[in-house]
Amino acid sequence: MHPMKQQECCRIVLLGAAKARIVKVYSLIQDDPLSTAYAHRGVAIQFLPCVASFDSYLEEDGKRIRYLTKVEYFRNGVELVPDGLLPFVDDDASSAPFDSETAASPLHDTRDKPLFQGVSGVAIGAGISAAEDAEKIQVFIETLSRKKVSIAVVQPNSEYASMQEELEAYRTFDVAEKEEAMKHGTIGPAKMAQFAIQFACDIVDKAIEQAEEQRRKQAQQLATEAEAAAPPTHVPATVPTDMNVELNRYACRKCRTMLFGSDHVEDPPHLPAKHKFSHRKQHANAADACQSLFLTSNVNWLAASDMGEEVGKLSCPRCMVKVGTWHWSGAQCSCGTWVVPAIQVPVSKVDLVLPPVRRDDPLPLSAVAIIQPAITDKQNVST
């Protein structure tokens, strides 16, 4: 039995300038069931409440330079951790602890390394809204993590010009209005809580989709490589293996696979030069002019081919080299005769394989006519 693998964890830094507000947002997230909505997909979302501090100095030309002084991490929103975020960027997300009691991640089954490592994103708000401050935070987090990190800054509602104006408006709400805003997450800490949760879910969605696409590409590449490396089948099932060896047979000129026998050739054969389609073919020697064999349709490997089209090519079932064509409407032989239908194999694409000759078989007359004069000449020389 394989040991149960640890769950994937996506870490999101929850960052602001005011600790009290960040703690409030963090507590709302912990109480929101949406914060663990992606655990069923094998990913837990862990929020790291942090507070950023800035300072500035005045240059000689009078220009004030603002800079980030520190980012403090408060475990569970209470305990200040001396090492800050450093432990989260040194250890990958699959081995460090996180707050979740959900089942083990199935995503590990098809990957060698975790889907999420270190810090995956930073949700910024709670007193930080300037683009310049967000850029400084991004540089710090990416330098610490040694990788690109997603950054998102909560934006004001359309009726407010800035987050500061929106915060001032929220402070003027009475208890009932604040409860209503808290319920719908339209303004105040509840707004940032929902913003951070949605930001985290978007990161998880994107990472899972990218991982699945990568797995699809890898599987396709492996399948292609396996198909290219696979040795050819010794005798394809579509190659006829029961041909009559007592008759002439024809083999693929490239791989020597037996394709058909003389009993598969058209019977009766077409009459050479029956139709004279050209002046050249009218004067051709009919006995030598046929440069193709025309087959019947009862050849096994032809029956296995997809011959539903009007015209197509015939390929050797082993090496797949082209050995002929078919034309259901007919084709003209080199002798001039139009053959319908035409399953045509040029003689240049195949080799003739003669049947084996046994010792007790009488020699063909053509062979006797050649051998007899040679014997007579040898006897005359010896006398």
Protein backbone atom coordinates (compact mmCIF):
# COMPACT_ATOMS: atom_id res chain seq x y z
CA MET A 1 0.00 0.00 0.00
CA HIS A 2 1.33 3.43 -0.95
CA PRO A 3 1.60 6.00 1.84
CA MET A 4 -0.97 8.80 1.70
CA LYS A 5 0.51 11.86 0.04
CA GLN A 6 0.23 15.34 1.50
CA GLN A 7 -2.31 17.80 0.21
CA GLU A 8 -1.40 20.59 -2.16
CA CYS A 9 -1.32 24.01 -0.53
CA CYS A 10 -1.59 27.42 -2.18
CA ARG A 11 -0.18 30.16 0.08
CA ILE A 12 -1.47 33.71 -0.22
CA VAL A 13 0.08 36.64 1.67
CA LEU A 14 -2.62 38.87 3.13
CA LEU A 15 -0.85 42.22 3.34
CA GLY A 16 -1.81 45.62 4.73
CA ALA A 17 -0.40 48.59 6.62
CA ALA A 18 -2.65 48.35 9.69
CA LYS A 19 -2.37 45.23 11.84
CA ALA A 20 -5.84 45.57 13.39
CA ARG A 21 -7.49 45.68 9.97
CA ILE A 22 -5.45 42.75 8.63
CA VAL A 23 -6.35 40.67 11.68
CA LYS A 24 -10.02 41.50 11.13
CA VAL A 25 -9.84 40.48 7.44
CA TYR A 26 -8.01 37.29 8.36
CA SER A 27 -10.66 36.35 10.94
CA LEU A 28 -13.41 36.89 8.35
CA ILE A 29 -11.59 34.64 5.90
CA GLN A 30 -11.20 31.89 8.47
CA ASP A 31 -14.94 31.99 9.14
CA ASP A 32 -15.87 32.03 5.44
CA PRO A 33 -16.56 28.56 3.99
CA LEU A 34 -15.39 29.82 0.59
CA SER A 35 -11.83 29.94 1.90
CA THR A 36 -11.69 26.13 1.67
CA ALA A 37 -13.96 25.73 -1.36
CA TYR A 38 -11.11 24.34 -3.45
CA ALA A 39 -10.07 21.61 -1.02
CA HIS A 40 -12.23 19.12 -2.93
CA ARG A 41 -9.96 19.71 -5.94
CA GLY A 42 -6.97 18.70 -3.87
CA VAL A 43 -5.80 22.20 -2.96
CA ALA A 44 -5.96 23.95 0.41
CA ILE A 45 -5.64 27.73 0.55
CA GLN A 46 -3.52 29.11 3.37
CA PHE A 47 -3.58 32.84 4.10
CA LEU A 48 -0.54 34.46 5.77
CA PRO A 49 -1.51 37.74 7.54
CA CYS A 50 1.33 40.24 7.21
CA VAL A 51 1.92 43.93 7.92
CA ALA A 52 4.16 46.10 5.74
CA SER A 53 5.98 49.18 7.04
CA PHE A 54 7.30 52.04 4.90
CA ASP A 55 9.62 54.95 5.54
CA SER A 56 11.11 57.75 3.47
CA TYR A 57 14.08 60.02 3.21
CA LEU A 58 14.80 63.33 1.55
CA GLU A 59 17.36 63.52 -1.24
CA GLU A 60 19.66 66.50 -1.80
CA ASP A 61 17.44 67.79 -4.59
CA GLY A 62 14.48 67.85 -2.20
CA LYS A 63 12.79 64.76 -3.64
CA ARG A 64 11.32 62.42 -1.04
CA ILE A 65 12.03 58.71 -1.59
CA ARG A 66 9.66 56.18 -0.07
CA TYR A 67 10.89 52.65 0.61
CA LEU A 68 9.73 49.43 2.22
CA THR A 69 11.35 48.81 5.57
CA LYS A 70 9.92 45.42 6.61
CA VAL A 71 7.16 42.86 6.19
CA GLU A 72 6.10 41.16 9.43
CA TYR A 73 4.20 37.87 9.51
CA PHE A 74 1.74 37.24 12.36
CA ARG A 75 0.90 33.56 12.72
CA ASN A 76 -2.89 33.19 13.05
CA GLY A 77 -3.03 36.99 13.09
CA VAL A 78 -1.61 37.12 16.63
CA GLU A 79 1.90 35.72 17.08
CA LEU A 80 4.74 37.65 15.46
CA VAL A 81 7.12 35.25 13.69
CA PRO A 82 10.75 36.44 13.89
CA ASP A 83 11.76 34.85 10.59
CA GLY A 84 8.81 36.39 8.78
CA LEU A 85 7.98 34.72 5.44
CA LEU A 86 11.40 33.12 5.05
CA PRO A 87 10.30 29.59 6.12
CA PHE A 88 7.61 29.59 3.44
CA VAL A 89 9.97 30.40 0.59
CA ASP A 90 12.69 28.00 1.75
CA ASP A 91 10.36 24.98 2.04
CA ASP A 92 8.02 23.88 -0.75
CA ALA A 93 4.28 23.90 -0.11
CA SER A 94 3.94 20.14 -0.01
CA SER A 95 6.05 19.63 3.10
CA ALA A 96 5.36 22.65 5.34
CA PRO A 97 2.33 22.61 7.68
CA PHE A 98 -0.94 24.33 6.89
CA ASP A 99 -4.39 24.63 8.42
CA SER A 100 -6.60 22.03 6.69
CA GLU A 101 -8.12 18.68 7.59
CA THR A 102 -9.25 17.74 4.10
CA ALA A 103 -8.23 14.59 2.20
CA ALA A 104 -4.92 14.05 0.45
CA SER A 105 -4.38 15.63 -2.94
CA PRO A 106 -4.92 13.54 -6.06
CA LEU A 107 -2.84 15.97 -8.06
CA HIS A 108 0.39 14.40 -6.82
CA ASP A 109 -0.42 11.16 -8.60
CA THR A 110 0.70 12.51 -11.96
CA ARG A 111 3.47 14.92 -10.97
CA ASP A 112 6.94 14.59 -9.47
CA LYS A 113 6.89 17.98 -7.73
CA PRO A 114 4.19 20.04 -5.98
CA LEU A 115 1.90 22.24 -8.04
CA PHE A 116 2.41 25.12 -5.59
CA GLN A 117 5.71 26.06 -4.00
CA GLY A 118 6.45 28.84 -1.55
CA VAL A 119 4.21 31.92 -1.80
CA SER A 120 1.82 31.91 -4.77
CA GLY A 121 0.30 35.39 -4.47
CA VAL A 122 -0.04 38.59 -2.46
CA ALA A 123 -3.42 40.26 -1.81
CA ILE A 124 -2.83 43.90 -0.84
CA GLY A 125 -5.17 46.30 0.98
CA ALA A 126 -5.90 47.50 4.51
CA GLY A 127 -4.18 50.85 4.17
CA ILE A 128 -2.00 50.12 1.10
CA SER A 129 -3.40 51.24 -2.24
CA ALA A 130 -0.68 53.15 -4.08
CA ALA A 131 0.71 51.43 -7.16
CA GLU A 132 4.23 52.46 -6.15
CA ASP A 133 3.88 50.69 -2.78
CA ALA A 134 2.49 47.56 -4.45
CA GLU A 135 5.46 47.53 -6.82
CA LYS A 136 7.91 47.71 -3.92
CA ILE A 137 6.12 44.84 -2.19
CA GLN A 138 6.23 42.76 -5.37
CA VAL A 139 9.97 43.32 -5.77
CA PHE A 140 10.53 42.28 -2.15
CA ILE A 141 8.39 39.11 -2.35
CA GLU A 142 9.85 38.02 -5.70
CA THR A 143 13.40 38.64 -4.50
CA LEU A 144 12.68 36.57 -1.39
CA SER A 145 10.95 33.80 -3.37
CA ARG A 146 13.34 33.85 -6.36
CA LYS A 147 10.36 33.53 -8.73
CA LYS A 148 7.45 35.50 -10.20
CA VAL A 149 4.56 36.03 -7.77
CA SER A 150 1.03 37.25 -8.55
CA ILE A 151 0.14 40.59 -6.93
CA ALA A 152 -3.37 42.07 -6.59
CA VAL A 153 -4.44 45.33 -4.91
CA VAL A 154 -8.02 45.84 -3.77
CA GLN A 155 -9.65 48.71 -5.69
CA PRO A 156 -12.25 51.28 -4.54
CA ASN A 157 -15.89 50.99 -5.53
CA SER A 158 -16.99 53.12 -8.47
CA GLU A 159 -18.59 55.78 -6.26
CA TYR A 160 -15.27 56.51 -4.52
CA ALA A 161 -12.15 58.11 -5.94
CA SER A 162 -9.72 56.21 -3.70
CA MET A 163 -9.55 53.53 -1.04
CA GLN A 164 -8.92 56.24 1.54
CA GLU A 165 -12.20 57.93 0.58
CA GLU A 166 -13.98 54.57 0.73
CA LEU A 167 -12.53 53.90 4.19
CA GLU A 168 -13.68 57.30 5.46
CA ALA A 169 -17.18 56.57 4.17
CA TYR A 170 -17.22 53.18 5.89
CA ARG A 171 -16.30 54.79 9.20
CA THR A 172 -19.41 56.95 9.03
CA PHE A 173 -21.72 53.89 8.77
CA ASP A 174 -23.90 53.04 11.74
CA VAL A 175 -24.01 49.53 13.18
CA ALA A 176 -26.81 48.32 10.92
CA GLU A 177 -25.08 49.63 7.79
CA LYS A 178 -21.81 47.97 8.79
CA GLU A 179 -23.59 44.68 9.41
CA GLU A 180 -25.21 44.90 5.98
CA ALA A 181 -21.82 45.69 4.37
CA MET A 182 -20.28 42.81 6.27
CA LYS A 183 -22.99 40.45 5.05
CA HIS A 184 -22.59 41.32 1.36
CA GLY A 185 -18.88 42.15 1.35
CA THR A 186 -19.39 45.44 -0.48
CA ILE A 187 -17.15 47.65 1.65
CA GLY A 188 -14.80 47.50 4.62
CA PRO A 189 -12.94 44.40 5.90
CA ALA A 190 -15.49 41.99 4.40
CA LYS A 191 -14.78 43.41 0.95
CA MET A 192 -11.06 42.72 1.24
CA ALA A 193 -11.76 39.24 2.66
CA GLN A 194 -13.86 38.29 -0.38
CA PHE A 195 -11.32 39.94 -2.66
CA ALA A 196 -8.49 37.84 -1.19
CA ILE A 197 -10.53 34.61 -1.38
CA GLN A 198 -11.44 35.19 -5.04
CA PHE A 199 -7.83 36.11 -5.85
CA ALA A 200 -6.62 32.85 -4.30
CA CYS A 201 -9.24 30.79 -6.13
CA ASP A 202 -8.23 32.35 -9.44
CA ILE A 203 -4.61 31.39 -8.82
CA VAL A 204 -5.61 27.81 -8.01
CA ASP A 205 -7.80 27.59 -11.12
CA LYS A 206 -5.06 28.88 -13.39
CA ALA A 207 -2.39 26.58 -11.91
CA ILE A 208 -4.58 23.48 -12.23
CA GLU A 209 -5.52 24.32 -15.84
CA GLN A 210 -1.86 24.86 -16.74
CA ALA A 211 -0.87 21.57 -15.09
CA GLU A 212 -3.62 19.65 -16.89
CA GLU A 213 -2.63 21.19 -20.22
CA GLN A 214 1.01 20.29 -19.58
CA ARG A 215 0.02 16.70 -18.77
CA ARG A 216 -2.01 16.50 -21.99
CA LYS A 217 0.95 17.72 -24.03
CA GLN A 218 3.32 15.31 -22.31
CA ALA A 219 0.94 12.39 -22.84
CA GLN A 220 0.56 13.30 -26.51
CA GLN A 221 4.33 13.57 -26.91
CA LEU A 222 4.91 10.21 -25.21
CA ALA A 223 2.28 8.58 -27.41
CA THR A 224 3.89 10.03 -30.53
CA GLU A 225 7.36 8.88 -29.46
CA ALA A 226 6.07 5.42 -28.57
CA GLU A 227 4.36 5.09 -31.93
CA ALA A 228 7.51 6.18 -33.75
CA ALA A 229 9.71 3.78 -31.75
CA ALA A 230 7.38 0.78 -32.02
CA PRO A 231 8.86 -2.00 -34.21
CA PRO A 232 6.83 -3.00 -37.27
CA THR A 233 4.51 -5.94 -36.88
CA HIS A 234 6.15 -9.14 -38.16
CA VAL A 235 3.17 -10.18 -40.27
CA PRO A 236 0.24 -7.74 -40.26
CA ALA A 237 -3.13 -9.37 -39.80
CA THR A 238 -4.27 -7.97 -43.14
CA VAL A 239 -1.47 -9.62 -45.13
CA PRO A 240 -2.67 -12.85 -46.78
CA THR A 241 -0.67 -15.77 -45.40
CA ASP A 242 -2.58 -18.59 -47.09
CA MET A 243 -1.71 -17.91 -50.73
CA ASN A 244 -1.21 -20.89 -53.03
CA VAL A 245 2.56 -21.42 -53.27
CA GLU A 246 2.05 -23.55 -56.38
CA LEU A 247 1.12 -20.41 -58.31
CA ASN A 248 3.04 -17.29 -59.17
CA ARG A 249 2.97 -14.75 -56.37
CA TYR A 250 3.81 -11.07 -56.20
CA ALA A 251 5.78 -9.43 -53.36
CA CYS A 252 6.27 -5.81 -52.35
CA ARG A 253 9.52 -4.68 -53.95
CA LYS A 254 10.58 -2.77 -50.83
CA CYS A 255 9.88 -5.18 -47.94
CA ARG A 256 9.26 -8.46 -49.82
CA THR A 257 5.85 -8.97 -48.22
CA MET A 258 3.69 -11.30 -50.31
CA LEU A 259 0.74 -9.20 -51.52
CA PHE A 260 -1.25 -11.37 -53.91
CA GLY A 261 -1.07 -14.38 -56.17
CA SER A 262 -1.82 -14.99 -59.83
CA ASP A 263 -5.26 -16.22 -58.81
CA HIS A 264 -6.00 -12.68 -57.61
CA VAL A 265 -5.29 -11.14 -61.00
CA GLU A 266 -8.30 -10.33 -63.22
CA ASP A 267 -9.74 -13.39 -64.90
CA PRO A 268 -10.24 -13.37 -67.81
CA PRO A 269 -7.57 -10.72 -68.51
CA HIS A 270 -8.48 -7.66 -70.53
CA LEU A 271 -7.74 -7.63 -74.24
CA PRO A 272 -4.69 -5.52 -74.99
CA ALA A 273 -5.27 -2.47 -77.18
CA LYS A 274 -9.02 -3.12 -77.26
CA HIS A 275 -9.64 0.61 -77.13
CA LYS A 276 -7.13 2.81 -78.96
CA PHE A 277 -7.13 6.12 -77.06
CA SER A 278 -3.95 7.48 -78.60
CA HIS A 279 -1.90 7.16 -81.75
CA ARG A 280 1.08 5.94 -79.75
CA LYS A 281 -0.89 3.13 -78.14
CA GLN A 282 -2.35 2.07 -81.47
CA HIS A 283 1.09 0.96 -82.63
CA ALA A 284 2.25 -0.53 -79.31
CA ASN A 285 3.20 -4.19 -79.18
CA ALA A 286 0.19 -5.67 -77.40
CA ALA A 287 2.14 -8.56 -75.92
CA ASP A 288 4.67 -6.27 -74.22
CA ALA A 289 2.60 -3.14 -73.63
CA CYS A 290 0.76 -4.03 -70.38
CA GLN A 291 2.80 -2.52 -67.54
CA SER A 292 0.22 -3.08 -64.78
CA LEU A 293 -1.60 -5.92 -63.10
CA PHE A 294 -5.33 -5.50 -62.50
CA LEU A 295 -6.63 -7.31 -59.41
CA THR A 296 -9.94 -8.63 -58.29
CA SER A 297 -11.45 -7.24 -55.09
CA ASN A 298 -11.13 -10.48 -53.07
CA VAL A 299 -7.60 -9.85 -51.80
CA ASN A 300 -7.60 -9.93 -47.97
CA TRP A 301 -5.56 -6.81 -47.40
CA LEU A 302 -7.61 -4.92 -49.96
CA ALA A 303 -10.82 -5.86 -48.17
CA ALA A 304 -9.34 -4.40 -44.96
CA SER A 305 -8.56 -1.10 -46.68
CA ASP A 306 -10.87 1.88 -46.67
CA MET A 307 -11.85 1.89 -50.32
CA GLY A 308 -15.07 3.85 -50.03
CA GLU A 309 -13.73 6.77 -52.07
CA GLU A 310 -13.98 6.87 -55.85
CA VAL A 311 -10.18 7.04 -56.22
CA GLY A 312 -7.37 6.13 -53.81
CA LYS A 313 -3.95 4.60 -53.42
CA LEU A 314 -3.01 1.07 -52.40
CA SER A 315 -0.25 0.70 -49.81
CA CYS A 316 1.73 -2.31 -48.67
CA PRO A 317 0.20 -3.30 -45.32
CA ARG A 318 3.66 -3.77 -43.79
CA CYS A 319 5.93 -0.94 -44.99
CA MET A 320 3.08 1.31 -46.18
CA VAL A 321 4.84 2.14 -49.47
CA LYS A 322 2.50 2.90 -52.35
CA VAL A 323 2.07 -0.14 -54.61
CA GLY A 324 -0.90 0.89 -56.74
CA THR A 325 -4.20 2.73 -57.07
CA TRP A 326 -7.89 2.04 -57.46
CA HIS A 327 -10.42 3.80 -59.67
CA TRP A 328 -13.96 2.51 -59.39
CA SER A 329 -14.89 4.36 -62.58
CA GLY A 330 -12.03 2.65 -64.42
CA ALA A 331 -8.51 3.38 -65.61
CA GLN A 332 -6.60 2.93 -68.84
CA CYS A 333 -3.90 0.30 -69.05
CA SER A 334 -0.62 1.13 -70.75
CA CYS A 335 -1.76 -1.05 -73.66
CA GLY A 336 -4.70 1.25 -74.27
CA THR A 337 -7.53 -0.82 -72.78
CA TRP A 338 -9.94 0.81 -70.36
CA VAL A 339 -10.47 -1.50 -67.35
CA VAL A 340 -13.55 -1.04 -65.16
CA PRO A 341 -13.30 -1.17 -62.17
CA ALA A 342 -9.54 -0.75 -61.94
CA ILE A 343 -7.50 -2.06 -59.01
CA GLN A 344 -4.15 -1.38 -60.62
CA VAL A 345 -0.67 -2.42 -59.48
CA PRO A 346 2.28 -1.39 -61.72
CA VAL A 347 4.67 -4.30 -62.31
CA SER A 348 7.51 -1.95 -61.25
CA LYS A 349 6.15 -1.97 -57.68
CA VAL A 350 6.20 -5.75 -57.14
CA ASP A 351 8.52 -8.70 -57.68
CA LEU A 352 7.36 -11.94 -59.29
CA VAL A 353 7.95 -14.97 -57.03
CA LEU A 354 7.88 -18.24 -58.99
CA PRO A 355 6.58 -21.43 -57.39
CA PRO A 356 9.27 -23.83 -56.01
CA VAL A 357 10.53 -26.56 -58.41
CA ARG A 358 10.75 -30.15 -57.11
CA ARG A 359 13.32 -32.70 -58.35
CA ASP A 360 10.70 -34.97 -59.94
CA ASP A 361 8.92 -32.13 -61.71
CA PRO A 362 9.41 -32.15 -65.53
CA LEU A 363 11.22 -29.09 -66.79
CA PRO A 364 9.13 -26.55 -68.66
CA LEU A 365 9.43 -26.76 -72.45
CA SER A 366 11.02 -23.34 -72.56
CA ALA A 367 13.80 -24.57 -70.25
CA VAL A 368 14.32 -27.76 -72.31
CA ALA A 369 14.67 -25.70 -75.48
CA ILE A 370 17.46 -23.71 -73.86
CA ILE A 371 19.30 -26.61 -72.22
CA GLN A 372 19.25 -29.08 -75.19
CA PRO A 373 21.37 -26.99 -77.61
CA ALA A 374 23.91 -26.44 -74.84
CA ILE A 375 24.31 -30.21 -74.31
CA THR A 376 24.72 -30.87 -78.05
CA ASP A 377 27.40 -28.22 -78.37
CA LYS A 378 29.29 -29.70 -75.42
CA GLN A 379 29.23 -33.19 -77.00
CA ASN A 380 30.58 -31.84 -80.34
CA VAL A 381 33.48 -30.18 -78.57
CA SER A 382 34.42 -33.38 -76.69
CA THR A 383 34.45 -35.49 -79.90
